[in-house]
């Protein structure tokens, strides 16, 4: 929890993916959120906006 902007960006990405999932099928909303969460963790484990 080092970046407020990273948390904000992550929450927006998660919310949009869940909204798209619920639009396609009501059961896919939660699944879409989990898949995006796991995809981000797999590709960027240091966070979306990391300080180097």
PDB file of N, CA and C in Angstrom:
ATOM      1  N   UNK A   1       0.832  -1.183   0.000  1.00  0.00           N
ATOM      2  CA  UNK A   1       0.000   0.000   0.000  1.00  0.00           C
ATOM      3  C   UNK A   1       0.879   1.249   0.000  1.00  0.00           C
ATOM      4  N   UNK A   2       1.797   1.316  -0.946  1.00  0.00           N
ATOM      5  CA  UNK A   2       2.692   2.440  -1.001  1.00  0.00           C
ATOM      6  C   UNK A   2       2.237   3.563  -1.913  1.00  0.00           C
ATOM      7  N   UNK A   3       1.242   3.339  -2.755  1.00  0.00           N
ATOM      8  CA  UNK A   3       0.846   4.350  -3.728  1.00  0.00           C
ATOM      9  C   UNK A   3      -0.673   4.499  -3.731  1.00  0.00           C
ATOM     10  N   UNK A   4      -1.132   5.685  -3.374  1.00  0.00           N
ATOM     11  CA  UNK A   4      -2.569   5.944  -3.397  1.00  0.00           C
ATOM     12  C   UNK A   4      -3.098   5.921  -4.832  1.00  0.00           C
ATOM     13  N   UNK A   5      -2.276   6.377  -5.791  1.00  0.00           N
ATOM     14  CA  UNK A   5      -2.698   6.375  -7.188  1.00  0.00           C
ATOM     15  C   UNK A   5      -2.747   4.957  -7.746  1.00  0.00           C
ATOM     16  N   UNK A   6      -1.850   4.090  -7.292  1.00  0.00           N
ATOM     17  CA  UNK A   6      -1.895   2.688  -7.706  1.00  0.00           C
ATOM     18  C   UNK A   6      -3.143   1.990  -7.184  1.00  0.00           C
ATOM     19  N   UNK A   7      -3.504   2.286  -5.933  1.00  0.00           N
ATOM     20  CA  UNK A   7      -4.735   1.718  -5.369  1.00  0.00           C
ATOM     21  C   UNK A   7      -5.967   2.239  -6.098  1.00  0.00           C
ATOM     22  N   UNK A   8      -5.940   3.521  -6.440  1.00  0.00           N
ATOM     23  CA  UNK A   8      -7.053   4.106  -7.185  1.00  0.00           C
ATOM     24  C   UNK A   8      -7.184   3.478  -8.567  1.00  0.00           C
ATOM     25  N   UNK A   9      -6.053   3.339  -9.267  1.00  0.00           N
ATOM     26  CA  UNK A   9      -6.064   2.730 -10.593  1.00  0.00           C
ATOM     27  C   UNK A   9      -6.516   1.270 -10.525  1.00  0.00           C
ATOM     28  N   UNK A  10      -6.040   0.541  -9.531  1.00  0.00           N
ATOM     29  CA  UNK A  10      -6.445  -0.853  -9.361  1.00  0.00           C
ATOM     30  C   UNK A  10      -7.931  -1.002  -9.096  1.00  0.00           C
ATOM     31  N   UNK A  11      -8.476  -0.110  -8.265  1.00  0.00           N
ATOM     32  CA  UNK A  11      -9.909  -0.192  -7.979  1.00  0.00           C
ATOM     33  C   UNK A  11     -10.743   0.140  -9.209  1.00  0.00           C
ATOM     34  N   UNK A  12     -10.257   1.077 -10.028  1.00  0.00           N
ATOM     35  CA  UNK A  12     -10.982   1.408 -11.254  1.00  0.00           C
ATOM     36  C   UNK A  12     -10.953   0.246 -12.242  1.00  0.00           C
ATOM     37  N   UNK A  13      -9.800  -0.384 -12.401  1.00  0.00           N
ATOM     38  CA  UNK A  13      -9.673  -1.527 -13.310  1.00  0.00           C
ATOM     39  C   UNK A  13     -10.562  -2.672 -12.836  1.00  0.00           C
ATOM     40  N   UNK A  14     -10.551  -2.927 -11.536  1.00  0.00           N
ATOM     41  CA  UNK A  14     -11.371  -4.005 -10.984  1.00  0.00           C
ATOM     42  C   UNK A  14     -12.860  -3.708 -11.159  1.00  0.00           C
ATOM     43  N   UNK A  15     -13.272  -2.490 -10.894  1.00  0.00           N
ATOM     44  CA  UNK A  15     -14.675  -2.115 -11.038  1.00  0.00           C
ATOM     45  C   UNK A  15     -15.162  -2.199 -12.473  1.00  0.00           C
ATOM     46  N   UNK A  16     -14.339  -1.745 -13.402  1.00  0.00           N
ATOM     47  CA  UNK A  16     -14.722  -1.795 -14.811  1.00  0.00           C
ATOM     48  C   UNK A  16     -14.806  -3.229 -15.296  1.00  0.00           C
ATOM     49  N   UNK A  17     -13.855  -4.066 -14.882  1.00  0.00           N
ATOM     50  CA  UNK A  17     -13.907  -5.463 -15.325  1.00  0.00           C
ATOM     51  C   UNK A  17     -15.131  -6.178 -14.754  1.00  0.00           C
ATOM     52  N   UNK A  18     -15.494  -5.876 -13.520  1.00  0.00           N
ATOM     53  CA  UNK A  18     -16.691  -6.494 -12.947  1.00  0.00           C
ATOM     54  C   UNK A  18     -17.954  -5.978 -13.632  1.00  0.00           C
ATOM     55  N   UNK A  19     -17.996  -4.701 -13.963  1.00  0.00           N
ATOM     56  CA  UNK A  19     -19.165  -4.149 -14.648  1.00  0.00           C
ATOM     57  C   UNK A  19     -19.340  -4.782 -16.023  1.00  0.00           C
ATOM     58  N   UNK A  20     -18.238  -4.970 -16.744  1.00  0.00           N
ATOM     59  CA  UNK A  20     -18.312  -5.622 -18.049  1.00  0.00           C
ATOM     60  C   UNK A  20     -18.751  -7.071 -17.891  1.00  0.00           C
ATOM     61  N   UNK A  21     -18.224  -7.756 -16.887  1.00  0.00           N
ATOM     62  CA  UNK A  21     -18.614  -9.140 -16.640  1.00  0.00           C
ATOM     63  C   UNK A  21     -20.092  -9.277 -16.304  1.00  0.00           C
ATOM     64  N   UNK A  22     -20.612  -8.370 -15.477  1.00  0.00           N
ATOM     65  CA  UNK A  22     -22.034  -8.418 -15.134  1.00  0.00           C
ATOM     66  C   UNK A  22     -22.911  -8.079 -16.328  1.00  0.00           C
ATOM     67  N   UNK A  23     -22.383  -7.256 -17.241  1.00  0.00           N
ATOM     68  CA  UNK A  23     -23.141  -6.937 -18.449  1.00  0.00           C
ATOM     69  C   UNK A  23     -23.299  -8.158 -19.347  1.00  0.00           C
ATOM     70  N   UNK A  24     -22.237  -8.967 -19.435  1.00  0.00           N
ATOM     71  CA  UNK A  24     -22.276 -10.156 -20.283  1.00  0.00           C
ATOM     72  C   UNK A  24     -23.183 -11.221 -19.693  1.00  0.00           C
ATOM     73  N   UNK A  25     -22.984 -11.506 -18.405  1.00  0.00           N
ATOM     74  CA  UNK A  25     -23.775 -12.519 -17.719  1.00  0.00           C
ATOM     75  C   UNK A  25     -23.654 -12.239 -16.223  1.00  0.00           C
ATOM     76  N   UNK A  26     -24.745 -12.296 -15.471  1.00  0.00           N
ATOM     77  CA  UNK A  26     -24.663 -11.965 -14.047  1.00  0.00           C
ATOM     78  C   UNK A  26     -23.665 -12.829 -13.256  1.00  0.00           C
ATOM     79  N   UNK A  27     -23.447 -14.037 -13.658  1.00  0.00           N
ATOM     80  CA  UNK A  27     -22.515 -14.899 -12.945  1.00  0.00           C
ATOM     81  C   UNK A  27     -21.057 -14.625 -13.276  1.00  0.00           C
ATOM     82  N   UNK A  28     -20.813 -13.868 -14.334  1.00  0.00           N
ATOM     83  CA  UNK A  28     -19.437 -13.626 -14.774  1.00  0.00           C
ATOM     84  C   UNK A  28     -18.807 -12.397 -14.143  1.00  0.00           C
ATOM     85  N   UNK A  29     -19.576 -11.592 -13.446  1.00  0.00           N
ATOM     86  CA  UNK A  29     -19.050 -10.365 -12.869  1.00  0.00           C
ATOM     87  C   UNK A  29     -17.940 -10.630 -11.864  1.00  0.00           C
ATOM     88  N   UNK A  30     -18.192 -11.511 -10.921  1.00  0.00           N
ATOM     89  CA  UNK A  30     -17.199 -11.845  -9.902  1.00  0.00           C
ATOM     90  C   UNK A  30     -16.020 -12.572 -10.542  1.00  0.00           C
ATOM     91  N   UNK A  31     -16.310 -13.465 -11.477  1.00  0.00           N
ATOM     92  CA  UNK A  31     -15.241 -14.194 -12.163  1.00  0.00           C
ATOM     93  C   UNK A  31     -14.327 -13.233 -12.922  1.00  0.00           C
ATOM     94  N   UNK A  32     -14.895 -12.268 -13.614  1.00  0.00           N
ATOM     95  CA  UNK A  32     -14.093 -11.302 -14.363  1.00  0.00           C
ATOM     96  C   UNK A  32     -13.199 -10.500 -13.426  1.00  0.00           C
ATOM     97  N   UNK A  33     -13.720 -10.109 -12.280  1.00  0.00           N
ATOM     98  CA  UNK A  33     -12.916  -9.380 -11.305  1.00  0.00           C
ATOM     99  C   UNK A  33     -11.752 -10.201 -10.789  1.00  0.00           C
ATOM    100  N   UNK A  34     -12.004 -11.466 -10.481  1.00  0.00           N
ATOM    101  CA  UNK A  34     -10.943 -12.337  -9.993  1.00  0.00           C
ATOM    102  C   UNK A  34      -9.892 -12.595 -11.069  1.00  0.00           C
ATOM    103  N   UNK A  35     -10.330 -12.794 -12.308  1.00  0.00           N
ATOM    104  CA  UNK A  35      -9.382 -13.051 -13.388  1.00  0.00           C
ATOM    105  C   UNK A  35      -8.475 -11.846 -13.642  1.00  0.00           C
ATOM    106  N   UNK A  36      -9.035 -10.649 -13.624  1.00  0.00           N
ATOM    107  CA  UNK A  36      -8.218  -9.448 -13.813  1.00  0.00           C
ATOM    108  C   UNK A  36      -7.248  -9.287 -12.648  1.00  0.00           C
ATOM    109  N   UNK A  37      -7.709  -9.541 -11.435  1.00  0.00           N
ATOM    110  CA  UNK A  37      -6.848  -9.455 -10.250  1.00  0.00           C
ATOM    111  C   UNK A  37      -5.670 -10.418 -10.369  1.00  0.00           C
ATOM    112  N   UNK A  38      -5.941 -11.653 -10.749  1.00  0.00           N
ATOM    113  CA  UNK A  38      -4.870 -12.644 -10.896  1.00  0.00           C
ATOM    114  C   UNK A  38      -3.945 -12.306 -12.061  1.00  0.00           C
ATOM    115  N   UNK A  39      -4.485 -11.791 -13.137  1.00  0.00           N
ATOM    116  CA  UNK A  39      -3.667 -11.395 -14.280  1.00  0.00           C
ATOM    117  C   UNK A  39      -2.710 -10.260 -13.918  1.00  0.00           C
ATOM    118  N   UNK A  40      -3.194  -9.282 -13.176  1.00  0.00           N
ATOM    119  CA  UNK A  40      -2.332  -8.177 -12.752  1.00  0.00           C
ATOM    120  C   UNK A  40      -1.266  -8.678 -11.791  1.00  0.00           C
ATOM    121  N   UNK A  41      -1.629  -9.556 -10.867  1.00  0.00           N
ATOM    122  CA  UNK A  41      -0.635 -10.103  -9.938  1.00  0.00           C
ATOM    123  C   UNK A  41       0.420 -10.938 -10.657  1.00  0.00           C
ATOM    124  N   UNK A  42       0.016 -11.646 -11.700  1.00  0.00           N
ATOM    125  CA  UNK A  42       0.964 -12.481 -12.441  1.00  0.00           C
ATOM    126  C   UNK A  42       1.915 -11.644 -13.282  1.00  0.00           C
ATOM    127  N   UNK A  43       1.429 -10.526 -13.827  1.00  0.00           N
ATOM    128  CA  UNK A  43       2.267  -9.734 -14.714  1.00  0.00           C
ATOM    129  C   UNK A  43       3.013  -8.623 -13.988  1.00  0.00           C
ATOM    130  N   UNK A  44       2.415  -8.055 -12.944  1.00  0.00           N
ATOM    131  CA  UNK A  44       3.047  -6.948 -12.209  1.00  0.00           C
ATOM    132  C   UNK A  44       2.948  -7.188 -10.704  1.00  0.00           C
ATOM    133  N   UNK A  45       3.735  -8.109 -10.155  1.00  0.00           N
ATOM    134  CA  UNK A  45       3.646  -8.396  -8.716  1.00  0.00           C
ATOM    135  C   UNK A  45       4.104  -7.240  -7.831  1.00  0.00           C
ATOM    136  N   UNK A  46       4.877  -6.287  -8.381  1.00  0.00           N
ATOM    137  CA  UNK A  46       5.323  -5.145  -7.599  1.00  0.00           C
ATOM    138  C   UNK A  46       4.248  -4.061  -7.506  1.00  0.00           C
ATOM    139  N   UNK A  47       3.193  -4.184  -8.285  1.00  0.00           N
ATOM    140  CA  UNK A  47       2.100  -3.219  -8.252  1.00  0.00           C
ATOM    141  C   UNK A  47       1.938  -2.521  -9.594  1.00  0.00           C
ATOM    142  N   UNK A  48       0.819  -1.844  -9.759  1.00  0.00           N
ATOM    143  CA  UNK A  48       0.562  -1.154 -11.021  1.00  0.00           C
ATOM    144  C   UNK A  48       1.463   0.053 -11.190  1.00  0.00           C
ATOM    145  N   UNK A  49       1.617   0.825 -10.132  1.00  0.00           N
ATOM    146  CA  UNK A  49       2.491   2.002 -10.158  1.00  0.00           C
ATOM    147  C   UNK A  49       3.530   1.786  -9.063  1.00  0.00           C
ATOM    148  N   UNK A  50       4.671   1.233  -9.439  1.00  0.00           N
ATOM    149  CA  UNK A  50       5.689   0.922  -8.436  1.00  0.00           C
ATOM    150  C   UNK A  50       6.750   2.005  -8.379  1.00  0.00           C
ATOM    151  N   UNK A  51       7.269   2.191  -7.175  1.00  0.00           N
ATOM    152  CA  UNK A  51       8.366   3.145  -6.983  1.00  0.00           C
ATOM    153  C   UNK A  51       9.671   2.384  -7.041  1.00  0.00           C
ATOM    154  N   UNK A  52      10.577   2.804  -7.901  1.00  0.00           N
ATOM    155  CA  UNK A  52      11.867   2.134  -8.018  1.00  0.00           C
ATOM    156  C   UNK A  52      12.966   2.939  -7.387  1.00  0.00           C
TER     157      UNK A  52
END
